[in-house]
N, C-alpha and C. Protein backbone atom coordinates (compact mmCIF):
# COMPACT_ATOMS: atom_id res chain seq x y z
N MET A 1 128.57 111.00 63.52
CA MET A 1 127.88 110.51 64.66
C MET A 1 128.43 109.26 65.20
N HIS A 2 128.55 109.13 66.43
CA HIS A 2 128.96 108.05 67.36
C HIS A 2 127.92 107.29 67.93
N LEU A 3 127.94 106.03 67.78
CA LEU A 3 127.02 105.16 68.48
C LEU A 3 127.61 104.50 69.71
N ILE A 4 126.65 104.51 70.83
CA ILE A 4 127.37 103.63 71.84
C ILE A 4 126.45 102.46 71.89
N PHE A 5 127.22 101.23 71.99
CA PHE A 5 126.48 100.17 72.11
C PHE A 5 126.40 99.65 73.56
N LEU A 6 125.40 99.29 73.99
CA LEU A 6 125.18 98.97 75.39
C LEU A 6 124.42 97.72 75.47
N ARG A 7 124.81 96.69 76.10
CA ARG A 7 124.13 95.44 76.29
C ARG A 7 123.39 95.31 77.44
N CYS A 8 122.14 95.25 77.47
CA CYS A 8 121.22 95.13 78.44
C CYS A 8 121.12 93.69 79.03
N LEU A 9 121.47 93.40 80.16
CA LEU A 9 121.54 91.81 80.58
C LEU A 9 120.36 91.69 81.21
N CYS A 10 119.37 91.36 80.42
CA CYS A 10 118.02 91.16 80.99
C CYS A 10 117.53 89.77 80.36
N SER A 11 116.42 89.18 80.53
CA SER A 11 115.92 87.83 80.33
C SER A 11 116.12 87.63 78.70
N THR A 12 115.92 88.64 77.92
CA THR A 12 115.82 88.54 76.36
C THR A 12 117.29 88.78 75.81
N GLY A 13 118.29 89.15 76.57
CA GLY A 13 119.67 89.53 76.35
C GLY A 13 119.58 90.50 75.08
N ALA A 14 118.71 91.33 74.92
CA ALA A 14 118.57 92.36 73.90
C ALA A 14 119.65 93.35 73.94
N LYS A 15 120.06 93.88 72.78
CA LYS A 15 120.98 94.69 72.64
C LYS A 15 120.44 96.10 72.38
N ARG A 16 120.88 97.10 73.20
CA ARG A 16 120.15 98.47 72.80
C ARG A 16 121.25 99.46 72.25
N VAL A 17 121.08 100.06 71.15
CA VAL A 17 121.83 101.02 70.58
C VAL A 17 121.31 102.49 70.83
N LEU A 18 122.32 103.21 71.36
CA LEU A 18 121.78 104.65 71.78
C LEU A 18 122.66 105.61 71.02
N ASN A 19 121.93 106.58 70.26
CA ASN A 19 122.70 107.59 69.40
C ASN A 19 122.90 108.73 70.27
N CYS A 20 124.20 108.91 70.57
CA CYS A 20 124.43 110.00 71.55
C CYS A 20 125.20 111.23 71.00
N GLY A 21 125.02 111.25 69.55
CA GLY A 21 125.74 112.40 68.91
C GLY A 21 127.17 112.23 69.13
N LYS A 22 127.91 113.40 68.85
CA LYS A 22 129.52 113.17 69.12
C LYS A 22 129.89 112.95 70.47
N ALA A 23 131.02 112.11 70.43
CA ALA A 23 131.39 111.88 71.88
C ALA A 23 131.84 113.01 72.70
N THR A 24 132.23 113.95 71.96
CA THR A 24 132.59 115.24 72.83
C THR A 24 131.49 115.93 73.25
N ALA A 25 130.32 115.68 72.67
CA ALA A 25 129.24 116.47 73.06
C ALA A 25 128.47 115.71 74.43
N LEU A 26 128.88 114.54 74.73
CA LEU A 26 128.21 113.69 75.57
C LEU A 26 128.97 114.15 77.16
N GLY A 27 128.37 115.11 77.65
CA GLY A 27 128.84 115.55 79.04
C GLY A 27 128.56 114.63 80.10
N SER A 28 128.99 114.98 81.18
CA SER A 28 128.59 114.13 82.39
C SER A 28 127.29 114.08 82.71
N LEU A 29 126.47 115.05 82.56
CA LEU A 29 125.02 115.13 82.94
C LEU A 29 124.35 114.03 81.86
N ALA A 30 124.63 114.09 80.53
CA ALA A 30 124.11 113.34 79.65
C ALA A 30 124.51 111.91 79.81
N ALA A 31 125.83 111.75 80.28
CA ALA A 31 126.28 110.31 80.49
C ALA A 31 125.37 109.75 81.68
N ASN A 32 125.11 110.60 82.62
CA ASN A 32 124.21 110.07 83.78
C ASN A 32 122.92 109.88 83.44
N ARG A 33 122.31 110.63 82.60
CA ARG A 33 120.87 110.18 82.00
C ARG A 33 120.96 108.93 81.20
N LEU A 34 121.95 108.81 80.32
CA LEU A 34 122.14 107.65 79.68
C LEU A 34 122.20 106.41 80.57
N TRP A 35 123.10 106.62 81.84
CA TRP A 35 123.27 105.38 82.54
C TRP A 35 121.98 105.15 83.21
N ASN A 36 121.16 106.16 83.72
CA ASN A 36 120.13 105.92 84.50
C ASN A 36 118.91 105.33 83.42
N VAL A 37 118.94 105.41 82.17
CA VAL A 37 117.97 104.77 81.13
C VAL A 37 118.16 103.42 81.32
N MET A 38 119.35 102.99 81.51
CA MET A 38 119.91 101.63 81.23
C MET A 38 119.80 100.73 82.57
N PHE A 39 118.63 100.94 83.34
CA PHE A 39 118.44 100.18 84.54
C PHE A 39 118.42 98.74 84.35
N THR A 40 119.09 98.13 85.03
CA THR A 40 118.73 96.58 85.13
C THR A 40 118.86 96.00 86.52
N ASP A 41 118.06 95.13 86.87
CA ASP A 41 118.08 94.38 88.12
C ASP A 41 118.99 93.38 88.48
N CYS A 42 120.03 93.20 87.49
CA CYS A 42 121.09 92.18 87.46
C CYS A 42 122.17 92.73 88.50
N TYR A 43 122.40 92.15 89.43
CA TYR A 43 123.49 92.64 90.75
C TYR A 43 124.68 92.71 90.06
N CYS A 44 125.05 91.65 89.08
CA CYS A 44 126.48 91.73 88.60
C CYS A 44 126.80 92.86 87.77
N THR A 45 125.74 93.12 86.89
CA THR A 45 125.78 94.43 86.15
C THR A 45 125.89 95.71 86.84
N GLN A 46 125.19 95.90 88.01
CA GLN A 46 125.27 96.85 88.75
C GLN A 46 126.66 96.97 89.51
N PHE A 47 127.06 95.99 90.04
CA PHE A 47 128.43 95.96 90.79
C PHE A 47 129.40 96.34 89.64
N ARG A 48 129.49 95.89 88.41
CA ARG A 48 130.51 96.18 87.40
C ARG A 48 130.13 97.80 87.19
N ARG A 49 129.02 98.21 87.08
CA ARG A 49 128.94 99.70 86.78
C ARG A 49 129.51 100.55 87.92
N SER A 50 129.09 99.86 89.18
CA SER A 50 129.70 100.52 90.32
C SER A 50 131.21 100.54 90.67
N ALA A 51 131.77 99.44 90.07
CA ALA A 51 133.21 99.30 89.97
C ALA A 51 133.88 100.38 89.20
N ASN A 52 133.24 100.43 88.04
CA ASN A 52 133.86 101.53 86.98
C ASN A 52 133.73 102.82 87.55
N ALA A 53 132.72 103.02 88.30
CA ALA A 53 132.49 104.55 88.75
C ALA A 53 133.53 104.75 89.82
N LEU A 54 133.75 103.66 90.67
CA LEU A 54 134.56 103.80 91.84
C LEU A 54 136.08 103.82 91.47
N THR A 55 136.33 103.02 90.44
CA THR A 55 137.67 103.28 89.76
C THR A 55 137.95 104.80 89.34
N SER A 56 137.06 105.26 88.75
CA SER A 56 136.98 106.81 88.31
C SER A 56 137.41 107.74 89.43
N VAL A 57 136.56 107.53 90.62
CA VAL A 57 136.79 108.40 91.80
C VAL A 57 138.21 108.18 92.19
N TYR A 58 138.82 107.17 92.37
CA TYR A 58 140.06 106.84 92.93
C TYR A 58 141.16 107.37 91.70
N ASP A 59 140.81 107.05 90.45
CA ASP A 59 141.90 107.54 89.50
C ASP A 59 141.99 109.06 89.63
N ASP A 60 140.71 109.73 89.62
CA ASP A 60 140.69 111.37 89.80
C ASP A 60 141.37 111.85 90.92
N ALA A 61 141.36 111.10 92.15
CA ALA A 61 142.13 111.51 93.27
C ALA A 61 143.66 111.42 93.12
N LEU A 62 144.01 110.30 92.46
CA LEU A 62 145.45 110.04 92.26
C LEU A 62 146.15 110.57 91.12
N ARG A 63 145.23 111.16 90.30
CA ARG A 63 145.79 111.75 89.03
C ARG A 63 147.02 112.91 89.29
N PRO A 64 146.53 113.88 90.49
CA PRO A 64 147.65 114.79 90.49
C PRO A 64 149.10 114.27 90.76
N ILE A 65 149.27 113.06 91.37
CA ILE A 65 150.61 112.65 91.32
C ILE A 65 151.16 111.51 90.47
N GLY A 66 150.19 111.32 89.25
CA GLY A 66 150.37 110.44 88.21
C GLY A 66 150.32 109.16 88.24
N LEU A 67 149.45 108.74 89.39
CA LEU A 67 149.21 107.25 89.62
C LEU A 67 147.83 106.83 89.30
N LYS A 68 147.43 105.52 89.04
CA LYS A 68 146.23 105.08 88.82
C LYS A 68 145.69 104.13 90.18
N ILE A 69 144.58 103.91 90.31
CA ILE A 69 144.23 103.12 91.59
C ILE A 69 144.85 101.80 91.18
N THR A 70 144.91 101.28 90.07
CA THR A 70 145.42 99.91 89.73
C THR A 70 146.87 99.80 90.17
N GLN A 71 147.63 100.92 89.90
CA GLN A 71 148.90 100.86 90.35
C GLN A 71 149.20 101.11 91.71
N PHE A 72 148.26 101.92 92.46
CA PHE A 72 148.35 102.27 93.81
C PHE A 72 148.08 100.89 94.52
N SER A 73 147.09 100.22 94.06
CA SER A 73 146.68 98.93 94.67
C SER A 73 147.93 97.94 94.55
N LEU A 74 148.73 97.92 93.49
CA LEU A 74 149.78 96.92 93.45
C LEU A 74 150.96 97.21 94.43
N LEU A 75 151.17 98.58 94.38
CA LEU A 75 152.19 99.21 95.48
C LEU A 75 151.83 98.56 96.71
N ARG A 76 150.50 98.81 97.26
CA ARG A 76 150.04 98.47 98.53
C ARG A 76 150.15 96.92 98.70
N ALA A 77 149.85 96.35 97.74
CA ALA A 77 150.12 94.72 97.89
C ALA A 77 151.35 94.31 98.09
N LEU A 78 152.24 95.06 97.38
CA LEU A 78 153.86 94.55 97.48
C LEU A 78 154.19 94.99 98.92
N GLU A 79 153.58 96.10 99.26
CA GLU A 79 154.16 96.50 100.79
C GLU A 79 153.51 95.61 101.77
N ARG A 80 152.34 95.07 101.64
CA ARG A 80 151.83 94.01 102.52
C ARG A 80 152.73 92.78 102.42
N LEU A 81 153.05 92.29 101.07
CA LEU A 81 153.53 91.08 100.98
C LEU A 81 155.15 91.10 101.17
N GLY A 82 155.76 92.16 101.13
CA GLY A 82 157.15 92.35 101.36
C GLY A 82 157.87 92.10 99.97
N SER A 83 157.95 90.65 99.62
CA SER A 83 158.63 90.35 98.46
C SER A 83 157.62 89.09 98.00
N ALA A 84 157.28 89.11 96.65
CA ALA A 84 156.41 88.01 96.25
C ALA A 84 156.64 87.63 94.80
N THR A 85 156.29 86.38 94.40
CA THR A 85 156.38 86.19 93.00
C THR A 85 155.20 86.79 92.20
N PHE A 86 155.09 86.92 91.08
CA PHE A 86 153.96 87.56 90.07
C PHE A 86 152.70 86.70 90.34
N THR A 87 152.92 85.31 90.61
CA THR A 87 151.81 84.52 91.03
C THR A 87 151.27 85.02 92.38
N GLU A 88 151.96 85.10 93.45
CA GLU A 88 151.48 85.48 94.68
C GLU A 88 151.04 86.77 94.83
N ILE A 89 151.29 87.86 93.84
CA ILE A 89 150.62 89.14 93.73
C ILE A 89 149.47 89.04 93.08
N ALA A 90 149.36 88.28 91.99
CA ALA A 90 148.13 87.99 91.28
C ALA A 90 147.04 87.55 92.24
N VAL A 91 147.47 86.43 93.00
CA VAL A 91 146.35 86.03 94.09
C VAL A 91 146.08 87.09 95.12
N GLU A 92 146.90 87.97 95.62
CA GLU A 92 146.90 88.97 96.64
C GLU A 92 145.92 90.04 95.95
N ALA A 93 146.11 90.42 94.65
CA ALA A 93 145.33 91.41 94.05
C ALA A 93 144.10 90.95 93.29
N ALA A 94 143.92 89.54 93.41
CA ALA A 94 142.71 89.10 92.77
C ALA A 94 142.79 89.44 91.10
N LEU A 95 143.87 89.32 90.59
CA LEU A 95 143.93 89.57 89.04
C LEU A 95 144.60 88.39 88.49
N ASP A 96 144.27 88.21 87.28
CA ASP A 96 145.14 87.07 86.59
C ASP A 96 146.43 87.37 86.09
N LYS A 97 147.23 86.41 85.99
CA LYS A 97 148.87 86.51 85.91
C LYS A 97 149.19 87.47 84.64
N THR A 98 148.38 87.47 83.71
CA THR A 98 148.67 88.34 82.54
C THR A 98 148.63 89.67 82.87
N THR A 99 147.41 90.11 83.54
CA THR A 99 147.36 91.44 83.93
C THR A 99 148.35 91.90 85.00
N ILE A 100 148.70 91.06 85.81
CA ILE A 100 149.73 91.42 86.67
C ILE A 100 151.07 91.76 86.18
N SER A 101 151.36 91.09 85.18
CA SER A 101 152.59 90.98 84.53
C SER A 101 152.79 92.35 83.63
N ARG A 102 151.65 92.72 83.09
CA ARG A 102 151.44 93.92 82.24
C ARG A 102 151.53 95.27 83.25
N ASN A 103 150.77 94.95 84.38
CA ASN A 103 150.63 96.23 85.35
C ASN A 103 151.97 96.28 85.99
N LEU A 104 152.65 95.28 86.44
CA LEU A 104 153.94 95.36 87.10
C LEU A 104 155.03 96.01 86.09
N LYS A 105 154.75 95.74 84.93
CA LYS A 105 155.91 96.32 84.00
C LYS A 105 155.77 97.73 84.09
N VAL A 106 154.74 98.32 84.32
CA VAL A 106 154.58 99.83 84.29
C VAL A 106 155.35 100.18 85.57
N LEU A 107 155.23 99.70 86.84
CA LEU A 107 155.74 100.04 87.92
C LEU A 107 157.34 99.84 87.97
N ILE A 108 157.73 98.66 87.30
CA ILE A 108 159.17 98.34 87.21
C ILE A 108 159.76 99.54 86.19
N ASP A 109 159.06 99.88 85.25
CA ASP A 109 159.67 100.89 84.42
C ASP A 109 159.82 102.22 84.97
N ALA A 110 158.99 102.49 86.05
CA ALA A 110 159.04 103.74 86.78
C ALA A 110 159.90 103.74 87.84
N GLY A 111 160.52 102.30 88.20
CA GLY A 111 161.59 102.42 89.23
C GLY A 111 160.91 102.17 90.65
N TRP A 112 159.64 101.96 90.67
CA TRP A 112 159.12 101.64 91.96
C TRP A 112 158.98 100.31 92.51
N VAL A 113 159.17 99.39 91.41
CA VAL A 113 159.27 97.83 91.69
C VAL A 113 160.66 97.25 91.33
N LYS A 114 161.20 96.57 92.12
CA LYS A 114 162.52 95.79 91.80
C LYS A 114 161.96 94.19 91.38
N VAL A 115 162.71 93.56 90.45
CA VAL A 115 162.37 92.31 90.26
C VAL A 115 163.61 91.61 90.09
N GLY A 116 163.87 90.33 90.61
CA GLY A 116 164.87 89.49 90.34
C GLY A 116 165.03 89.03 88.93
N SER A 117 166.16 88.40 88.69
CA SER A 117 166.66 88.12 87.31
C SER A 117 166.24 86.79 86.71
N GLU A 118 165.33 86.09 87.41
CA GLU A 118 164.90 84.81 86.88
C GLU A 118 164.37 85.20 85.59
N GLU A 119 164.61 84.11 84.69
CA GLU A 119 163.84 84.12 83.29
C GLU A 119 162.37 83.87 83.26
N ASP A 120 162.04 82.77 83.93
CA ASP A 120 160.42 82.40 84.01
C ASP A 120 159.83 83.34 85.04
N ALA A 121 158.83 84.05 84.49
CA ALA A 121 157.94 85.08 85.38
C ALA A 121 157.29 84.46 86.36
N ARG A 122 156.97 83.13 86.50
CA ARG A 122 156.38 82.46 87.43
C ARG A 122 157.21 82.47 88.68
N PHE A 123 158.56 82.62 88.64
CA PHE A 123 159.49 82.49 89.64
C PHE A 123 160.07 83.82 89.91
N LYS A 124 159.93 84.86 89.29
CA LYS A 124 160.34 86.33 89.40
C LYS A 124 159.89 86.72 90.80
N VAL A 125 160.71 87.32 91.58
CA VAL A 125 160.26 87.92 92.87
C VAL A 125 160.40 89.53 92.82
N ALA A 126 159.28 90.03 93.08
CA ALA A 126 159.26 91.49 93.02
C ALA A 126 159.22 91.99 94.49
N THR A 127 159.84 93.26 94.82
CA THR A 127 159.63 93.94 95.78
C THR A 127 159.55 95.53 95.52
N LEU A 128 158.94 95.92 96.56
CA LEU A 128 158.89 97.36 96.55
C LEU A 128 160.30 98.13 96.59
N SER A 129 160.53 99.03 95.60
CA SER A 129 161.85 99.71 95.81
C SER A 129 161.45 101.00 96.91
N LYS A 130 162.64 101.72 97.07
CA LYS A 130 162.72 102.92 97.98
C LYS A 130 161.75 103.92 97.49
N GLU A 131 161.96 104.15 96.08
CA GLU A 131 161.20 105.01 95.23
C GLU A 131 159.77 104.69 95.14
N GLY A 132 159.37 103.35 95.32
CA GLY A 132 158.10 102.97 95.20
C GLY A 132 157.27 103.09 96.48
N LEU A 133 158.10 102.93 97.81
CA LEU A 133 157.59 103.13 98.96
C LEU A 133 157.37 104.75 99.04
N LYS A 134 158.21 105.55 98.57
CA LYS A 134 158.01 107.05 98.64
C LYS A 134 156.84 107.43 98.00
N MET A 135 156.38 106.92 96.63
CA MET A 135 155.33 107.23 95.94
C MET A 135 154.14 106.72 96.60
N LEU A 136 154.18 105.54 97.24
CA LEU A 136 152.99 105.15 98.06
C LEU A 136 152.84 105.93 99.25
N ARG A 137 153.71 106.47 99.77
CA ARG A 137 153.47 107.54 100.89
C ARG A 137 152.99 108.75 100.38
N ARG A 138 153.39 109.34 99.22
CA ARG A 138 152.85 110.42 98.60
C ARG A 138 151.47 110.28 98.23
N ALA A 139 151.00 109.02 97.66
CA ALA A 139 149.73 108.86 97.13
C ALA A 139 148.66 108.56 98.32
N GLU A 140 149.21 108.16 99.48
CA GLU A 140 148.03 107.76 100.30
C GLU A 140 147.11 109.10 100.85
N PRO A 141 147.57 110.17 100.67
CA PRO A 141 146.54 111.36 101.22
C PRO A 141 145.53 111.30 100.19
N HIS A 142 145.92 111.33 98.92
CA HIS A 142 145.06 111.40 97.64
C HIS A 142 144.15 110.04 97.64
N TRP A 143 144.58 109.02 97.99
CA TRP A 143 143.74 107.80 98.38
C TRP A 143 142.72 108.09 99.31
N GLN A 144 142.93 108.64 100.49
CA GLN A 144 142.30 109.01 101.50
C GLN A 144 141.08 109.77 101.02
N VAL A 145 141.29 110.81 100.42
CA VAL A 145 140.31 111.71 99.68
C VAL A 145 139.32 110.73 98.99
N ALA A 146 139.61 109.83 98.15
CA ALA A 146 138.65 109.14 97.52
C ALA A 146 137.93 108.14 98.50
N GLN A 147 138.71 107.68 99.35
CA GLN A 147 138.08 106.74 100.27
C GLN A 147 136.98 107.58 101.11
N LYS A 148 137.26 108.70 101.62
CA LYS A 148 136.27 109.42 102.31
C LYS A 148 135.02 109.64 101.37
N GLN A 149 135.30 110.06 100.08
CA GLN A 149 134.16 110.39 99.20
C GLN A 149 133.34 109.29 99.14
N VAL A 150 133.92 108.02 99.02
CA VAL A 150 132.97 106.79 98.86
C VAL A 150 132.33 106.48 100.23
N GLU A 151 133.06 106.55 101.24
CA GLU A 151 132.33 106.27 102.58
C GLU A 151 131.27 107.40 102.75
N SER A 152 131.20 108.51 102.35
CA SER A 152 130.41 109.52 102.62
C SER A 152 129.05 109.16 101.66
N GLU A 153 129.23 108.81 100.41
CA GLU A 153 128.16 108.26 99.65
C GLU A 153 127.40 106.97 100.16
N VAL A 154 128.23 105.96 100.60
CA VAL A 154 127.61 104.83 101.18
C VAL A 154 127.02 105.11 102.47
N GLN A 155 127.56 105.87 103.09
CA GLN A 155 126.78 106.14 104.54
C GLN A 155 125.52 106.56 104.40
N LYS A 156 125.09 107.03 103.53
CA LYS A 156 123.69 107.41 103.24
C LYS A 156 122.79 106.12 103.38
N PHE A 157 123.33 104.94 103.18
CA PHE A 157 122.37 103.78 103.09
C PHE A 157 122.83 102.74 104.24
N MET A 158 123.52 103.29 105.10
CA MET A 158 123.96 102.29 106.13
C MET A 158 123.70 102.90 107.46
N LYS A 159 123.55 102.04 108.55
CA LYS A 159 123.38 102.61 110.01
C LYS A 159 124.74 102.29 110.56
N GLY A 160 125.27 103.13 111.16
CA GLY A 160 126.72 103.01 111.78
C GLY A 160 127.75 103.23 110.92
N PRO A 161 128.97 103.05 111.20
CA PRO A 161 130.11 103.51 110.35
C PRO A 161 130.19 102.68 109.17
N ALA A 162 130.26 103.43 108.05
CA ALA A 162 130.39 102.86 106.76
C ALA A 162 131.35 101.98 106.42
N SER A 163 132.54 102.47 106.95
CA SER A 163 133.87 101.67 106.53
C SER A 163 133.95 100.29 106.95
N LYS A 164 133.63 99.86 108.16
CA LYS A 164 133.66 98.59 108.50
C LYS A 164 132.51 97.74 108.03
N ARG A 165 131.45 98.17 107.99
CA ARG A 165 130.22 97.56 107.33
C ARG A 165 130.37 97.16 105.91
N LEU A 166 130.85 98.28 105.31
CA LEU A 166 131.13 98.12 103.73
C LEU A 166 132.08 97.08 103.55
N LEU A 167 133.33 97.19 104.20
CA LEU A 167 134.25 96.10 104.07
C LEU A 167 133.93 94.66 104.24
N GLU A 168 133.21 94.58 105.39
CA GLU A 168 132.65 93.08 105.73
C GLU A 168 131.53 92.80 104.52
N ALA A 169 130.83 93.60 104.09
CA ALA A 169 129.97 93.17 103.07
C ALA A 169 130.65 92.66 101.58
N LEU A 170 131.62 93.68 101.51
CA LEU A 170 132.42 93.35 100.06
C LEU A 170 133.25 92.23 100.41
N GLU A 171 133.88 91.83 101.39
CA GLU A 171 134.65 90.54 101.75
C GLU A 171 133.87 89.35 101.55
N THR A 172 132.45 89.41 102.21
CA THR A 172 131.66 88.42 102.16
C THR A 172 131.25 88.07 100.54
N LEU A 173 131.06 89.10 99.81
CA LEU A 173 130.51 88.99 98.33
C LEU A 173 131.77 88.35 97.73
N GLN A 174 132.80 88.55 98.17
CA GLN A 174 133.97 87.88 97.26
C GLN A 174 134.13 86.55 97.59
N GLY A 175 133.55 85.99 98.60
CA GLY A 175 133.66 84.59 98.85
C GLY A 175 132.45 83.72 98.25
N VAL A 176 131.43 84.48 97.72
CA VAL A 176 130.27 83.81 97.24
C VAL A 176 130.82 82.69 96.21
N GLY A 177 131.36 83.17 95.31
CA GLY A 177 131.78 82.28 94.09
C GLY A 177 132.63 81.20 94.43
N ARG A 178 133.34 81.28 95.61
CA ARG A 178 134.27 80.28 96.13
C ARG A 178 133.67 79.09 96.92
N GLU A 179 132.47 79.50 97.37
CA GLU A 179 131.65 78.48 98.28
C GLU A 179 131.18 77.33 97.72
N GLY A 180 131.08 76.23 98.36
CA GLY A 180 130.32 75.14 97.79
C GLY A 180 131.04 74.12 97.43
């Protein structure tokens, strides 16, 4: 028997333990029921759950070419930046420097990113290699599939084009913690 521990972020901070049987027996339908049981009115928890679900949508779309959305996002960030230090990439990708170093190592090892020879990672400059640009172009149609899937789902809750309004809302939310 496998137990899944889920923390309900409610006013009591109570933890709930759900017995889901064997992990292999927990199909997507059961997982959806489990997910719905754990309702919370906490926006942060709901956004984190949504982010995990969205990551899965994009990872599934990119899987045929062997990429994850985290890798695709870094390749796109490097294309936008041209060349950048790990710190600049971290700021662009809204990730901490340790995560950037770890994720860039995978892209470097794959030959998609070139890095200068500086010893100190704070000053290393990364650029997208020709192979990285080819992979990015190969990945874009797969990313578009996921993008359209997300837009289709969001459109149910919006008036007008989902893409522009959703991006505006998300960009506004990103600034909430920085204000004041």
